[in-house]
């Protein structure tokens, strides 16, 4: 799963996101989803989430479910 479909992402999942300032480098940050910020059912660049650490980014990889 690549993180573009909102219904596949839920709070508590472990994901890898790219923060806005890291979009050019593609550096990924791993963490647990706290909150889903994207309202649309699909986003071509990845669903925007907030991790439990407070990091906000777009999901690029889903590591594991709940």
C-alpha atoms as a PDB file:
ATOM      1  CA  UNK A   1       0.000   0.000   0.000  1.00  0.00           C
ATOM      2  CA  UNK A   2       1.358   3.371  -0.980  1.00  0.00           C
ATOM      3  CA  UNK A   3      -0.563   5.782   1.254  1.00  0.00           C
ATOM      4  CA  UNK A   4      -2.690   7.526  -1.376  1.00  0.00           C
ATOM      5  CA  UNK A   5      -6.079   6.132  -0.276  1.00  0.00           C
ATOM      6  CA  UNK A   6      -7.513   7.580   2.941  1.00  0.00           C
ATOM      7  CA  UNK A   7      -9.619   4.508   3.822  1.00  0.00           C
ATOM      8  CA  UNK A   8      -6.442   2.375   4.057  1.00  0.00           C
ATOM      9  CA  UNK A   9      -4.923   4.593   6.778  1.00  0.00           C
ATOM     10  CA  UNK A  10      -6.084   4.588  10.395  1.00  0.00           C
ATOM     11  CA  UNK A  11      -4.839   6.042  13.693  1.00  0.00           C
ATOM     12  CA  UNK A  12      -2.442   3.609  15.352  1.00  0.00           C
ATOM     13  CA  UNK A  13      -0.856   2.410  12.098  1.00  0.00           C
ATOM     14  CA  UNK A  14       2.913   2.560  11.639  1.00  0.00           C
ATOM     15  CA  UNK A  15       3.757   4.516   8.481  1.00  0.00           C
ATOM     16  CA  UNK A  16       6.605   6.368   6.794  1.00  0.00           C
ATOM     17  CA  UNK A  17       5.909   9.970   5.798  1.00  0.00           C
ATOM     18  CA  UNK A  18       7.757  12.692   3.936  1.00  0.00           C
ATOM     19  CA  UNK A  19       7.635  16.109   5.595  1.00  0.00           C
ATOM     20  CA  UNK A  20       7.160  19.184   3.404  1.00  0.00           C
ATOM     21  CA  UNK A  21      10.743  20.368   3.928  1.00  0.00           C
ATOM     22  CA  UNK A  22      12.014  16.901   2.892  1.00  0.00           C
ATOM     23  CA  UNK A  23       9.974  16.531  -0.306  1.00  0.00           C
ATOM     24  CA  UNK A  24      12.972  17.317  -2.525  1.00  0.00           C
ATOM     25  CA  UNK A  25      15.264  14.822  -0.788  1.00  0.00           C
ATOM     26  CA  UNK A  26      12.566  12.202  -0.181  1.00  0.00           C
ATOM     27  CA  UNK A  27      13.767  11.619   3.413  1.00  0.00           C
ATOM     28  CA  UNK A  28      11.182   9.485   5.209  1.00  0.00           C
ATOM     29  CA  UNK A  29      10.181   9.678   8.862  1.00  0.00           C
ATOM     30  CA  UNK A  30       8.613   6.623  10.505  1.00  0.00           C
ATOM     31  CA  UNK A  31       5.967   6.862  13.194  1.00  0.00           C
ATOM     32  CA  UNK A  32       2.474   6.029  14.419  1.00  0.00           C
ATOM     33  CA  UNK A  33      -0.519   7.858  12.911  1.00  0.00           C
ATOM     34  CA  UNK A  34      -2.259  10.032  15.489  1.00  0.00           C
ATOM     35  CA  UNK A  35      -4.626  11.935  13.190  1.00  0.00           C
ATOM     36  CA  UNK A  36      -5.577  11.962   9.489  1.00  0.00           C
ATOM     37  CA  UNK A  37      -5.505  15.503   8.088  1.00  0.00           C
ATOM     38  CA  UNK A  38      -6.567  14.889   4.456  1.00  0.00           C
ATOM     39  CA  UNK A  39     -10.346  15.075   3.981  1.00  0.00           C
ATOM     40  CA  UNK A  40     -10.575  13.744   0.419  1.00  0.00           C
ATOM     41  CA  UNK A  41     -10.769   9.952  -0.131  1.00  0.00           C
ATOM     42  CA  UNK A  42      -7.629   9.959  -2.313  1.00  0.00           C
ATOM     43  CA  UNK A  43      -4.564  12.162  -2.733  1.00  0.00           C
ATOM     44  CA  UNK A  44      -1.972  11.613  -5.499  1.00  0.00           C
ATOM     45  CA  UNK A  45       0.969  12.732  -3.302  1.00  0.00           C
ATOM     46  CA  UNK A  46      -0.122  10.729  -0.246  1.00  0.00           C
ATOM     47  CA  UNK A  47      -2.625  11.288   2.545  1.00  0.00           C
ATOM     48  CA  UNK A  48      -1.491  13.964   5.002  1.00  0.00           C
ATOM     49  CA  UNK A  49      -1.287  12.756   8.611  1.00  0.00           C
ATOM     50  CA  UNK A  50       0.028  13.855  11.986  1.00  0.00           C
ATOM     51  CA  UNK A  51       2.200  11.319  13.776  1.00  0.00           C
ATOM     52  CA  UNK A  52       2.192  10.799  17.554  1.00  0.00           C
ATOM     53  CA  UNK A  53       5.533  12.646  17.607  1.00  0.00           C
ATOM     54  CA  UNK A  54       3.826  15.759  16.183  1.00  0.00           C
ATOM     55  CA  UNK A  55       5.424  15.392  12.731  1.00  0.00           C
ATOM     56  CA  UNK A  56       3.084  16.252   9.836  1.00  0.00           C
ATOM     57  CA  UNK A  57       3.695  14.709   6.438  1.00  0.00           C
ATOM     58  CA  UNK A  58       2.293  12.741   3.522  1.00  0.00           C
ATOM     59  CA  UNK A  59       2.202   8.944   3.786  1.00  0.00           C
ATOM     60  CA  UNK A  60       4.597   7.272   1.356  1.00  0.00           C
ATOM     61  CA  UNK A  61       4.656   3.769   2.861  1.00  0.00           C
ATOM     62  CA  UNK A  62       2.440   1.815   5.227  1.00  0.00           C
ATOM     63  CA  UNK A  63       4.677  -0.289   7.481  1.00  0.00           C
ATOM     64  CA  UNK A  64       1.992  -2.145   9.467  1.00  0.00           C
ATOM     65  CA  UNK A  65      -1.656  -1.991  10.463  1.00  0.00           C
ATOM     66  CA  UNK A  66      -3.114  -1.705  13.952  1.00  0.00           C
END
